Protein backbone atom coordinates (compact mmCIF):
# COMPACT_ATOMS: atom_id res chain seq x y z
CA ARG A 1 -30.86 1.89 -57.48
CA ASP A 2 -27.25 -0.22 -58.44
CA PHE A 3 -25.94 0.14 -62.12
CA ARG A 4 -26.63 -2.99 -63.33
CA GLY A 5 -24.61 -2.27 -66.87
CA LEU A 6 -25.92 -0.93 -70.68
CA SER A 7 -28.49 -2.28 -71.82
CA PRO A 8 -27.27 -4.31 -75.47
CA ARG A 9 -30.44 -3.86 -77.45
CA GLN A 10 -30.39 0.03 -77.74
CA PHE A 11 -28.33 -0.15 -81.54
CA ASP A 12 -29.64 1.62 -84.11
CA GLY A 13 -28.57 -1.31 -86.95
CA ARG A 14 -25.98 0.85 -88.06
CA GLY A 15 -23.82 0.61 -84.86
CA ASN A 16 -24.82 2.99 -82.80
CA TYR A 17 -25.43 3.26 -79.47
CA THR A 18 -28.20 5.67 -77.59
CA PHE A 19 -29.08 5.67 -74.07
CA GLY A 20 -30.53 7.41 -71.33
CA LEU A 21 -29.80 9.37 -67.99
CA ASN A 22 -32.86 9.84 -65.67
CA GLU A 23 -30.91 12.83 -64.05
CA GLN A 24 -27.81 15.03 -64.12
CA SER A 25 -26.33 13.84 -60.66
CA MET A 26 -24.05 11.47 -61.35
CA PHE A 27 -21.59 14.44 -63.09
CA HIS A 28 -19.84 14.96 -59.64
CA GLU A 29 -18.88 18.40 -61.61
CA ILE A 30 -22.49 19.95 -61.31
CA ASP A 31 -23.07 22.10 -58.03
CA GLN A 32 -26.73 19.92 -57.24
CA ASP A 33 -27.46 23.38 -55.04
CA LYS A 34 -27.16 25.70 -58.08
CA THR A 35 -29.40 23.72 -60.09
CA ASP A 36 -33.36 24.66 -60.24
CA ARG A 37 -35.06 21.09 -61.18
CA VAL A 38 -33.78 17.17 -61.96
CA ARG A 39 -32.59 16.62 -65.75
CA GLY A 40 -32.33 13.61 -67.23
CA MET A 41 -30.47 13.29 -70.99
CA ASP A 42 -30.03 10.83 -74.17
CA ILE A 43 -26.49 10.62 -75.37
CA THR A 44 -26.07 8.63 -79.24
CA VAL A 45 -22.32 7.69 -79.12
CA VAL A 46 -22.18 6.92 -83.43
CA THR A 47 -19.37 5.08 -84.72
CA THR A 48 -17.42 4.41 -88.12
CA ALA A 49 -19.53 0.59 -87.45
CA THR A 50 -21.63 -0.22 -89.89
CA ASN A 51 -23.55 -2.73 -88.08
CA ASP A 52 -23.97 -3.41 -84.79
CA ASP A 53 -21.87 -6.49 -84.19
CA GLU A 54 -18.62 -4.33 -84.98
CA GLY A 55 -20.64 -1.34 -82.57
CA ARG A 56 -20.77 -3.55 -80.22
CA ALA A 57 -17.78 -4.79 -80.29
CA LEU A 58 -16.28 -1.36 -80.58
CA LEU A 59 -18.30 0.23 -77.66
CA LYS A 60 -16.62 -2.96 -75.48
CA GLN A 61 -12.97 -2.52 -76.44
CA LEU A 62 -13.71 1.31 -75.21
CA GLY A 63 -15.15 -0.36 -71.69
CA PHE A 64 -18.71 0.40 -72.43
CA PRO A 65 -20.13 -1.96 -70.05
CA PHE A 66 -23.27 -3.59 -71.20
CA LYS A 67 -25.27 -6.72 -69.54
CA GLU A 68 -24.73 -10.25 -70.88
CA GLN A 69 -27.38 -11.17 -72.47
């Protein structure tokens, strides 16, 4: 599947953002021959923003590729 951007709806109301990865294969540093199974993970970015709009603006400035709504 092609990456189409991060969902802009994953904010928690306080400016923090959480997204999930289905598998670790996108990290090229990981030797796939040494893994026993596919593992996913959830990642939360905690910001100093006070609301979702501030958090979204901050993460956009940092280069987070959000989908257009």
